[in-house]
Amino acid sequence: MRTAKDLERPDMRAPEIRTEDPRARAAKRAAELRDHIGDMDEGQDKFSCPPAPDGWSYEWKRRTVMGWEDPTYMSMMARTGWDPVDVSRHPHMMPKGHSGAIEREGMVLCERPAEITQEVRNIDYKNARQQVRIKETQLDSTKGLLARDDSRIAPKIKNTYEPMPIPND
């Protein structure tokens, strides 16, 4: 049976209840948050990747768009070798206690062998150059679709890059 003494509220000011100074506890928590937040610079790139281990490459891949998951895209990423990076490798990138993949704003940090990434980049570069060659051939006045005899109306193809004027609106 409970007595009146059992029902009494403990004195919150008692030293045995207050084991840690609130200022010390606040300073400890502030230090933890500073480690996690970093320098809180507004210009910081939130999608910068940590250095990948030797032989691997990191890239951010989308997992969701406006809250909707795209399992087809994630399946394609897995087929092309991209696997999510576990938070255990870079614990500073996620809140304490998080488990699983490193995610930010619908993006997930993924890894793939660097040699596969380079092969895919070479294929993409080759395809882009091929598209340019096709268009140059089409515009060539002697071989292409727009053959013209008069040099005043023949297309002029430049292989240089110049700044484009920006209108002041």
Foldseek 3Di string as FASTA:
>chain_A
DDDPVNVDDDDCPDCVNCPDDPVVVVVVVVVVVCLLCPPVDPPDDLQDDDDDPPQKDKDKDFQDDPPHGDVVVVVVCVVLFWDFDWCVVPVSQDDPPDTDGRDDPRITMTMGGPVSVVVVVVVVVVVVVVVVVVVVQQLQLPRHPNNDDDPVPRDDDDPDDDDDDDDDD
